[in-house]
Amino acid sequence: MPLIDSHSHVDQYDASEIPAILDRARDAGLGMIIVAGTTVESSRNAVTLSHGHPIVYGGVGLHPADLTGPLDDETADILRQLAADPRVVVWSETGLDYLESSPPREVQDQAFRAQIRLAIEAKLPLVVHSREAHPDMLRLLREEHASDVGGIFHYFQGDLATAEAAMDMGFDISMAKPLLRLPELQEVAAKLPLARMVLETDSFPQPFKKHRDHWTEPWHLPQVAEKLAELQRVSVDEVTAATTANVLRILGGRVSLSDLQQR
């Protein structure tokens, strides 16, 4: 059973590095990597990359921290066209980011609401980013009827109540490398139903790390799977089978298990 990296930014690596990154992922047992868009340009890059590499599928979206203003009609039309590509399987990523350096909250609110509506229109599951914004993120998902498409709460680091509220609206909970080091997150992960969990690496270039070998890549995903297996007290094979099946369910038939096994 192949693993699925449900959220990455592989497109942001130097183009010369990408083939080797994908080879390392395959060697680690991955059958699918979803590359998220954060701007119009990166959304285009994600779509292009998905057409050049069978293991890659695309996401389109505007990251809240990358917004330069409200989401206007022209940008919405571009995203709408990109989302219609058959290699695009999620609206990813969007959400809220309340760091002091992030754009004004009213700009984020407008762009997030607009993207929820676009995802519903495109019938694509949403992959949501929430940093120091969980109450507002859950409220906006509820107000905009995001449960119509559901999706994934990306790079989850919240408490059990937040996870349960998200699951109630049709969102699965995604675990990444913070699971390896945060005891409070490990406590939450041990209590969540495996049938509602997925895995990711959120891979992106990390030049702040001195050694290139320490940059997070999709091939690190088995480390997350192993930790989740330990916390859930099941085998790694069970975690792999469950999380892969969960992603395929979320994607609503756009990708099949046989597609992954051919990578």
C-alpha atoms as a PDB file:
ATOM      1  CA  MET A   1       0.000   0.000   0.000  1.00  0.00           C
ATOM      2  CA  PRO A   2       1.608   3.308  -1.024  1.00  0.00           C
ATOM      3  CA  LEU A   3       1.698   6.348   1.234  1.00  0.00           C
ATOM      4  CA  ILE A   4       0.195   9.693   0.218  1.00  0.00           C
ATOM      5  CA  ASP A   5       1.771  13.030   1.078  1.00  0.00           C
ATOM      6  CA  SER A   6      -1.416  15.090   1.232  1.00  0.00           C
ATOM      7  CA  HIS A   7       0.324  18.478   1.324  1.00  0.00           C
ATOM      8  CA  SER A   8       3.674  19.660  -0.006  1.00  0.00           C
ATOM      9  CA  HIS A   9       5.343  22.565  -1.779  1.00  0.00           C
ATOM     10  CA  VAL A  10       7.716  20.556  -3.949  1.00  0.00           C
ATOM     11  CA  ASP A  11       7.218  23.066  -6.767  1.00  0.00           C
ATOM     12  CA  GLN A  12       9.160  25.647  -4.726  1.00  0.00           C
ATOM     13  CA  TYR A  13      12.399  23.680  -4.950  1.00  0.00           C
ATOM     14  CA  ASP A  14      14.864  24.421  -7.726  1.00  0.00           C
ATOM     15  CA  ALA A  15      13.625  22.655 -10.851  1.00  0.00           C
ATOM     16  CA  SER A  16      16.899  20.737 -11.138  1.00  0.00           C
ATOM     17  CA  GLU A  17      16.257  19.126  -7.747  1.00  0.00           C
ATOM     18  CA  ILE A  18      12.681  17.995  -8.283  1.00  0.00           C
ATOM     19  CA  PRO A  19      13.316  14.722 -10.190  1.00  0.00           C
ATOM     20  CA  ALA A  20      15.647  13.465  -7.420  1.00  0.00           C
ATOM     21  CA  ILE A  21      13.174  14.573  -4.721  1.00  0.00           C
ATOM     22  CA  LEU A  22      10.427  12.554  -6.404  1.00  0.00           C
ATOM     23  CA  ASP A  23      12.724   9.547  -6.854  1.00  0.00           C
ATOM     24  CA  ARG A  24      13.536   9.589  -3.131  1.00  0.00           C
ATOM     25  CA  ALA A  25       9.826   9.746  -2.387  1.00  0.00           C
ATOM     26  CA  ARG A  26       9.086   6.697  -4.534  1.00  0.00           C
ATOM     27  CA  ASP A  27      11.942   4.800  -2.915  1.00  0.00           C
ATOM     28  CA  ALA A  28      10.382   5.604   0.497  1.00  0.00           C
ATOM     29  CA  GLY A  29       7.081   4.031  -0.540  1.00  0.00           C
ATOM     30  CA  LEU A  30       5.056   7.057  -1.641  1.00  0.00           C
ATOM     31  CA  GLY A  31       2.561   6.703  -4.456  1.00  0.00           C
ATOM     32  CA  MET A  32       1.199  10.236  -4.529  1.00  0.00           C
ATOM     33  CA  ILE A  33       2.284  13.757  -3.601  1.00  0.00           C
ATOM     34  CA  ILE A  34      -0.194  16.637  -3.643  1.00  0.00           C
ATOM     35  CA  VAL A  35       1.482  19.967  -4.392  1.00  0.00           C
ATOM     36  CA  ALA A  36      -0.359  22.985  -3.004  1.00  0.00           C
ATOM     37  CA  GLY A  37      -0.619  26.388  -4.599  1.00  0.00           C
ATOM     38  CA  THR A  38      -0.074  29.465  -2.444  1.00  0.00           C
ATOM     39  CA  THR A  39      -0.295  32.185  -5.109  1.00  0.00           C
ATOM     40  CA  VAL A  40      -1.581  32.297  -8.674  1.00  0.00           C
ATOM     41  CA  GLU A  41       1.955  31.664  -9.907  1.00  0.00           C
ATOM     42  CA  SER A  42       2.602  28.714  -7.610  1.00  0.00           C
ATOM     43  CA  SER A  43      -0.840  27.286  -8.408  1.00  0.00           C
ATOM     44  CA  ARG A  44       0.124  27.347 -12.083  1.00  0.00           C
ATOM     45  CA  ASN A  45       3.428  25.695 -11.204  1.00  0.00           C
ATOM     46  CA  ALA A  46       1.643  22.980  -9.232  1.00  0.00           C
ATOM     47  CA  VAL A  47      -0.581  22.192 -12.205  1.00  0.00           C
ATOM     48  CA  THR A  48       2.383  22.156 -14.599  1.00  0.00           C
ATOM     49  CA  LEU A  49       4.368  19.876 -12.291  1.00  0.00           C
ATOM     50  CA  SER A  50       1.432  17.487 -12.007  1.00  0.00           C
ATOM     51  CA  HIS A  51       1.391  17.038 -15.781  1.00  0.00           C
ATOM     52  CA  GLY A  52       5.105  16.288 -15.889  1.00  0.00           C
ATOM     53  CA  HIS A  53       5.265  13.696 -13.098  1.00  0.00           C
ATOM     54  CA  PRO A  54       2.638  10.963 -12.583  1.00  0.00           C
ATOM     55  CA  ILE A  55       3.252  10.837  -8.813  1.00  0.00           C
ATOM     56  CA  VAL A  56       2.274  14.518  -8.476  1.00  0.00           C
ATOM     57  CA  TYR A  57      -1.257  15.947  -8.305  1.00  0.00           C
ATOM     58  CA  GLY A  58      -2.057  19.616  -7.957  1.00  0.00           C
ATOM     59  CA  GLY A  59      -3.840  22.022  -5.674  1.00  0.00           C
ATOM     60  CA  VAL A  60      -4.766  25.622  -6.377  1.00  0.00           C
ATOM     61  CA  GLY A  61      -5.308  28.401  -3.881  1.00  0.00           C
ATOM     62  CA  LEU A  62      -4.046  31.546  -2.188  1.00  0.00           C
ATOM     63  CA  HIS A  63      -2.226  31.198   1.128  1.00  0.00           C
ATOM     64  CA  PRO A  64      -3.440  33.781   3.652  1.00  0.00           C
ATOM     65  CA  ALA A  65       0.098  34.978   4.413  1.00  0.00           C
ATOM     66  CA  ASP A  66       0.746  35.616   0.706  1.00  0.00           C
ATOM     67  CA  LEU A  67      -2.284  37.804   0.061  1.00  0.00           C
ATOM     68  CA  THR A  68      -1.543  41.251  -1.322  1.00  0.00           C
ATOM     69  CA  GLY A  69      -5.154  42.408  -1.154  1.00  0.00           C
ATOM     70  CA  PRO A  70      -8.721  41.145  -1.493  1.00  0.00           C
ATOM     71  CA  LEU A  71      -9.379  38.323  -3.926  1.00  0.00           C
ATOM     72  CA  ASP A  72     -10.695  40.134  -7.014  1.00  0.00           C
ATOM     73  CA  ASP A  73     -12.835  38.790  -9.846  1.00  0.00           C
ATOM     74  CA  GLU A  74      -9.931  38.485 -12.287  1.00  0.00           C
ATOM     75  CA  THR A  75      -7.875  36.387  -9.870  1.00  0.00           C
ATOM     76  CA  ALA A  76     -10.913  34.285  -9.008  1.00  0.00           C
ATOM     77  CA  ASP A  77     -11.436  33.537 -12.712  1.00  0.00           C
ATOM     78  CA  ILE A  78      -7.808  32.452 -13.099  1.00  0.00           C
ATOM     79  CA  LEU A  79      -8.080  30.137 -10.102  1.00  0.00           C
ATOM     80  CA  ARG A  80     -11.399  28.811 -11.403  1.00  0.00           C
ATOM     81  CA  GLN A  81      -9.776  27.903 -14.728  1.00  0.00           C
ATOM     82  CA  LEU A  82      -6.797  26.241 -13.024  1.00  0.00           C
ATOM     83  CA  ALA A  83      -9.115  24.277 -10.735  1.00  0.00           C
ATOM     84  CA  ALA A  84     -10.837  22.771 -13.784  1.00  0.00           C
ATOM     85  CA  ASP A  85      -7.648  20.937 -14.790  1.00  0.00           C
ATOM     86  CA  PRO A  86      -8.098  17.165 -14.361  1.00  0.00           C
ATOM     87  CA  ARG A  87      -4.828  16.898 -12.449  1.00  0.00           C
ATOM     88  CA  VAL A  88      -6.106  19.308  -9.776  1.00  0.00           C
ATOM     89  CA  VAL A  89      -7.657  17.338  -6.911  1.00  0.00           C
ATOM     90  CA  VAL A  90      -7.924  19.849  -4.038  1.00  0.00           C
ATOM     91  CA  TRP A  91      -8.364  23.546  -3.316  1.00  0.00           C
ATOM     92  CA  SER A  92      -5.104  24.071  -1.483  1.00  0.00           C
ATOM     93  CA  GLU A  93      -4.170  25.986   0.275  1.00  0.00           C
ATOM     94  CA  THR A  94      -6.327  28.624   1.873  1.00  0.00           C
ATOM     95  CA  GLY A  95      -7.290  29.653   5.392  1.00  0.00           C
ATOM     96  CA  LEU A  96      -6.304  32.162   8.057  1.00  0.00           C
ATOM     97  CA  ASP A  97      -2.946  33.189   9.500  1.00  0.00           C
ATOM     98  CA  TYR A  98      -2.909  35.547  12.471  1.00  0.00           C
ATOM     99  CA  LEU A  99       0.813  36.129  12.874  1.00  0.00           C
ATOM    100  CA  GLU A 100       1.598  39.825  13.313  1.00  0.00           C
ATOM    101  CA  SER A 101       3.398  39.881   9.962  1.00  0.00           C
ATOM    102  CA  SER A 102       0.393  38.510   8.057  1.00  0.00           C
ATOM    103  CA  PRO A 103      -2.033  40.600   5.976  1.00  0.00           C
ATOM    104  CA  PRO A 104      -4.962  42.393   7.671  1.00  0.00           C
ATOM    105  CA  ARG A 105      -7.590  40.044   9.034  1.00  0.00           C
ATOM    106  CA  GLU A 106     -10.384  41.599   6.972  1.00  0.00           C
ATOM    107  CA  VAL A 107      -8.393  40.843   3.787  1.00  0.00           C
ATOM    108  CA  GLN A 108      -7.876  37.249   4.889  1.00  0.00           C
ATOM    109  CA  ASP A 109     -11.549  36.888   5.819  1.00  0.00           C
ATOM    110  CA  GLN A 110     -12.698  38.028   2.360  1.00  0.00           C
ATOM    111  CA  ALA A 111     -10.209  35.842   0.489  1.00  0.00           C
ATOM    112  CA  PHE A 112     -10.967  32.776   2.611  1.00  0.00           C
ATOM    113  CA  ARG A 113     -14.722  33.124   2.184  1.00  0.00           C
ATOM    114  CA  ALA A 114     -14.312  33.621  -1.567  1.00  0.00           C
ATOM    115  CA  GLN A 115     -12.117  30.530  -1.878  1.00  0.00           C
ATOM    116  CA  ILE A 116     -14.517  28.376   0.111  1.00  0.00           C
ATOM    117  CA  ARG A 117     -17.215  29.364  -2.382  1.00  0.00           C
ATOM    118  CA  LEU A 118     -14.905  28.665  -5.329  1.00  0.00           C
ATOM    119  CA  ALA A 119     -14.053  25.234  -3.924  1.00  0.00           C
ATOM    120  CA  ILE A 120     -17.733  24.414  -3.509  1.00  0.00           C
ATOM    121  CA  GLU A 121     -18.384  25.602  -7.070  1.00  0.00           C
ATOM    122  CA  ALA A 122     -15.529  23.411  -8.352  1.00  0.00           C
ATOM    123  CA  LYS A 123     -16.584  20.506  -6.106  1.00  0.00           C
ATOM    124  CA  LEU A 124     -13.039  20.288  -4.742  1.00  0.00           C
ATOM    125  CA  PRO A 125     -12.173  19.418  -1.140  1.00  0.00           C
ATOM    126  CA  LEU A 126     -10.615  22.266   0.822  1.00  0.00           C
ATOM    127  CA  VAL A 127      -7.216  22.081   2.481  1.00  0.00           C
ATOM    128  CA  VAL A 128      -7.224  24.690   5.224  1.00  0.00           C
ATOM    129  CA  HIS A 129      -4.367  26.502   6.930  1.00  0.00           C
ATOM    130  CA  SER A 130      -4.984  27.863  10.428  1.00  0.00           C
ATOM    131  CA  ARG A 131      -2.286  29.570  12.473  1.00  0.00           C
ATOM    132  CA  GLU A 132      -3.410  31.133  15.757  1.00  0.00           C
ATOM    133  CA  ALA A 133      -6.867  31.422  14.164  1.00  0.00           C
ATOM    134  CA  HIS A 134      -8.770  28.247  14.981  1.00  0.00           C
ATOM    135  CA  PRO A 135     -12.011  29.814  16.321  1.00  0.00           C
ATOM    136  CA  ASP A 136     -12.394  32.156  13.345  1.00  0.00           C
ATOM    137  CA  MET A 137     -11.366  29.454  10.878  1.00  0.00           C
ATOM    138  CA  LEU A 138     -14.027  27.073  12.198  1.00  0.00           C
ATOM    139  CA  ARG A 139     -16.621  29.858  12.232  1.00  0.00           C
ATOM    140  CA  LEU A 140     -15.975  30.825   8.611  1.00  0.00           C
ATOM    141  CA  LEU A 141     -16.070  27.201   7.487  1.00  0.00           C
ATOM    142  CA  ARG A 142     -19.424  26.860   9.199  1.00  0.00           C
ATOM    143  CA  GLU A 143     -20.859  30.131   7.870  1.00  0.00           C
ATOM    144  CA  GLU A 144     -19.794  29.367   4.299  1.00  0.00           C
ATOM    145  CA  HIS A 145     -21.103  25.775   4.382  1.00  0.00           C
ATOM    146  CA  ALA A 146     -17.680  24.250   3.749  1.00  0.00           C
ATOM    147  CA  SER A 147     -19.101  20.905   4.862  1.00  0.00           C
ATOM    148  CA  ASP A 148     -20.557  20.709   1.342  1.00  0.00           C
ATOM    149  CA  VAL A 149     -17.095  19.654   0.151  1.00  0.00           C
ATOM    150  CA  GLY A 150     -15.158  18.898   3.362  1.00  0.00           C
ATOM    151  CA  GLY A 151     -11.433  18.404   3.121  1.00  0.00           C
ATOM    152  CA  ILE A 152      -8.330  18.440   5.285  1.00  0.00           C
ATOM    153  CA  PHE A 153      -7.164  20.492   8.269  1.00  0.00           C
ATOM    154  CA  HIS A 154      -3.548  20.830   7.184  1.00  0.00           C
ATOM    155  CA  TYR A 155      -0.507  20.634   9.503  1.00  0.00           C
ATOM    156  CA  PHE A 156      -2.722  20.229  12.539  1.00  0.00           C
ATOM    157  CA  GLN A 157      -1.390  21.466  15.877  1.00  0.00           C
ATOM    158  CA  GLY A 158      -4.635  22.219  17.735  1.00  0.00           C
ATOM    159  CA  ASP A 159      -6.404  20.630  20.660  1.00  0.00           C
ATOM    160  CA  LEU A 160      -8.886  17.767  20.686  1.00  0.00           C
ATOM    161  CA  ALA A 161     -11.934  20.056  20.700  1.00  0.00           C
ATOM    162  CA  THR A 162     -10.709  21.859  17.568  1.00  0.00           C
ATOM    163  CA  ALA A 163     -10.077  18.566  15.801  1.00  0.00           C
ATOM    164  CA  GLU A 164     -13.534  17.282  16.711  1.00  0.00           C
ATOM    165  CA  ALA A 165     -15.202  20.494  15.511  1.00  0.00           C
ATOM    166  CA  ALA A 166     -13.356  20.226  12.194  1.00  0.00           C
ATOM    167  CA  MET A 167     -14.265  16.550  11.796  1.00  0.00           C
ATOM    168  CA  ASP A 168     -17.912  17.384  12.468  1.00  0.00           C
ATOM    169  CA  MET A 169     -17.791  19.594   9.358  1.00  0.00           C
ATOM    170  CA  GLY A 170     -16.256  16.876   7.203  1.00  0.00           C
ATOM    171  CA  PHE A 171     -12.567  17.703   7.585  1.00  0.00           C
ATOM    172  CA  ASP A 172      -9.937  15.057   8.235  1.00  0.00           C
ATOM    173  CA  ILE A 173      -6.946  15.892  10.428  1.00  0.00           C
ATOM    174  CA  SER A 174      -3.481  15.964   8.869  1.00  0.00           C
ATOM    175  CA  MET A 175      -0.381  15.100  10.850  1.00  0.00           C
ATOM    176  CA  ALA A 176       3.112  16.213   9.869  1.00  0.00           C
ATOM    177  CA  LYS A 177       6.556  16.277  11.474  1.00  0.00           C
ATOM    178  CA  PRO A 178       5.447  18.294  14.539  1.00  0.00           C
ATOM    179  CA  LEU A 179       3.950  14.971  15.658  1.00  0.00           C
ATOM    180  CA  LEU A 180       7.514  13.745  16.228  1.00  0.00           C
ATOM    181  CA  ARG A 181       8.342  16.414  18.819  1.00  0.00           C
ATOM    182  CA  LEU A 182       5.216  17.887  20.451  1.00  0.00           C
ATOM    183  CA  PRO A 183       3.885  15.882  23.442  1.00  0.00           C
ATOM    184  CA  GLU A 184       0.572  17.787  23.491  1.00  0.00           C
ATOM    185  CA  LEU A 185      -0.007  16.973  19.817  1.00  0.00           C
ATOM    186  CA  GLN A 186       0.918  13.342  20.413  1.00  0.00           C
ATOM    187  CA  GLU A 187      -1.727  13.193  23.137  1.00  0.00           C
ATOM    188  CA  VAL A 188      -4.372  14.481  20.704  1.00  0.00           C
ATOM    189  CA  ALA A 189      -3.256  12.163  17.884  1.00  0.00           C
ATOM    190  CA  ALA A 190      -3.557   9.138  20.149  1.00  0.00           C
ATOM    191  CA  LYS A 191      -7.238   9.955  20.752  1.00  0.00           C
ATOM    192  CA  LEU A 192      -8.339  10.721  17.195  1.00  0.00           C
ATOM    193  CA  PRO A 193      -9.981   8.065  15.031  1.00  0.00           C
ATOM    194  CA  LEU A 194      -7.515   6.708  12.495  1.00  0.00           C
ATOM    195  CA  ALA A 195     -10.377   6.664   9.998  1.00  0.00           C
ATOM    196  CA  ARG A 196     -10.265  10.494  10.005  1.00  0.00           C
ATOM    197  CA  MET A 197      -6.511  11.123   9.768  1.00  0.00           C
ATOM    198  CA  VAL A 198      -4.127  11.770   6.886  1.00  0.00           C
ATOM    199  CA  LEU A 199      -0.399  12.474   6.610  1.00  0.00           C
ATOM    200  CA  GLU A 200       1.728  15.200   5.059  1.00  0.00           C
ATOM    201  CA  THR A 201       5.211  16.703   5.068  1.00  0.00           C
ATOM    202  CA  ASP A 202       4.493  20.325   4.037  1.00  0.00           C
ATOM    203  CA  SER A 203       7.839  20.061   2.243  1.00  0.00           C
ATOM    204  CA  PHE A 204       9.431  23.284   1.055  1.00  0.00           C
ATOM    205  CA  PRO A 205      12.990  24.599   0.672  1.00  0.00           C
ATOM    206  CA  GLN A 206      14.562  25.270   4.075  1.00  0.00           C
ATOM    207  CA  PRO A 207      17.799  27.213   3.532  1.00  0.00           C
ATOM    208  CA  PHE A 208      17.731  28.235   7.213  1.00  0.00           C
ATOM    209  CA  LYS A 209      18.809  24.654   7.962  1.00  0.00           C
ATOM    210  CA  LYS A 210      22.581  24.421   7.608  1.00  0.00           C
ATOM    211  CA  HIS A 211      22.695  20.968   6.013  1.00  0.00           C
ATOM    212  CA  ARG A 212      20.723  20.263   2.839  1.00  0.00           C
ATOM    213  CA  ASP A 213      20.055  16.692   3.986  1.00  0.00           C
ATOM    214  CA  HIS A 214      17.990  18.092   6.868  1.00  0.00           C
ATOM    215  CA  TRP A 215      15.470  19.857   4.621  1.00  0.00           C
ATOM    216  CA  THR A 216      12.052  18.222   4.890  1.00  0.00           C
ATOM    217  CA  GLU A 217      11.084  16.237   1.796  1.00  0.00           C
ATOM    218  CA  PRO A 218       8.283  13.781   0.990  1.00  0.00           C
ATOM    219  CA  TRP A 219      10.590  10.844   1.736  1.00  0.00           C
ATOM    220  CA  HIS A 220      10.302  11.795   5.422  1.00  0.00           C
ATOM    221  CA  LEU A 221       6.614  10.841   5.465  1.00  0.00           C
ATOM    222  CA  PRO A 222       7.247   7.296   6.798  1.00  0.00           C
ATOM    223  CA  GLN A 223       8.636   8.883   9.980  1.00  0.00           C
ATOM    224  CA  VAL A 224       5.255  10.494  10.606  1.00  0.00           C
ATOM    225  CA  ALA A 225       3.457   7.234   9.815  1.00  0.00           C
ATOM    226  CA  GLU A 226       5.677   5.340  12.255  1.00  0.00           C
ATOM    227  CA  LYS A 227       5.040   7.816  15.053  1.00  0.00           C
ATOM    228  CA  LEU A 228       1.297   7.745  14.470  1.00  0.00           C
ATOM    229  CA  ALA A 229       1.356   3.940  14.516  1.00  0.00           C
ATOM    230  CA  GLU A 230       3.140   4.026  17.868  1.00  0.00           C
ATOM    231  CA  LEU A 231       0.606   6.471  19.331  1.00  0.00           C
ATOM    232  CA  GLN A 232      -2.413   4.611  17.975  1.00  0.00           C
ATOM    233  CA  ARG A 233      -0.925   1.256  19.003  1.00  0.00           C
ATOM    234  CA  VAL A 234      -1.330  -0.266  15.569  1.00  0.00           C
ATOM    235  CA  SER A 235       1.093  -1.365  12.857  1.00  0.00           C
ATOM    236  CA  VAL A 236       2.649   0.992  10.331  1.00  0.00           C
ATOM    237  CA  ASP A 237       0.868  -1.000   7.623  1.00  0.00           C
ATOM    238  CA  GLU A 238      -2.465  -0.190   9.267  1.00  0.00           C
ATOM    239  CA  VAL A 239      -1.637   3.514   9.394  1.00  0.00           C
ATOM    240  CA  THR A 240      -0.523   3.456   5.763  1.00  0.00           C
ATOM    241  CA  ALA A 241      -3.654   1.653   4.599  1.00  0.00           C
ATOM    242  CA  ALA A 242      -5.992   3.887   6.607  1.00  0.00           C
ATOM    243  CA  THR A 243      -4.434   7.251   5.750  1.00  0.00           C
ATOM    244  CA  THR A 244      -4.158   6.400   2.068  1.00  0.00           C
ATOM    245  CA  ALA A 245      -7.782   5.255   1.968  1.00  0.00           C
ATOM    246  CA  ASN A 246      -8.792   8.439   3.768  1.00  0.00           C
ATOM    247  CA  VAL A 247      -7.145  10.695   1.190  1.00  0.00           C
ATOM    248  CA  LEU A 248      -8.710   8.748  -1.668  1.00  0.00           C
ATOM    249  CA  ARG A 249     -12.121   9.089   0.023  1.00  0.00           C
ATOM    250  CA  ILE A 250     -11.629  12.829   0.428  1.00  0.00           C
ATOM    251  CA  LEU A 251     -10.720  13.128  -3.258  1.00  0.00           C
ATOM    252  CA  GLY A 252     -14.048  11.566  -4.163  1.00  0.00           C
ATOM    253  CA  GLY A 253     -12.873   9.128  -6.820  1.00  0.00           C
ATOM    254  CA  ARG A 254     -10.580  11.525  -8.702  1.00  0.00           C
ATOM    255  CA  VAL A 255      -7.699   9.144  -7.974  1.00  0.00           C
ATOM    256  CA  SER A 256      -7.859   5.385  -7.422  1.00  0.00           C
ATOM    257  CA  LEU A 257      -5.605   3.009  -5.541  1.00  0.00           C
ATOM    258  CA  SER A 258      -4.607   1.393  -8.833  1.00  0.00           C
ATOM    259  CA  ASP A 259      -3.452   4.815 -10.054  1.00  0.00           C
ATOM    260  CA  LEU A 260      -1.060   5.020  -7.115  1.00  0.00           C
ATOM    261  CA  GLN A 261       0.237   1.492  -7.501  1.00  0.00           C
ATOM    262  CA  GLN A 262       1.327   2.263 -11.058  1.00  0.00           C
ATOM    263  CA  ARG A 263       3.688   5.059 -10.003  1.00  0.00           C
END
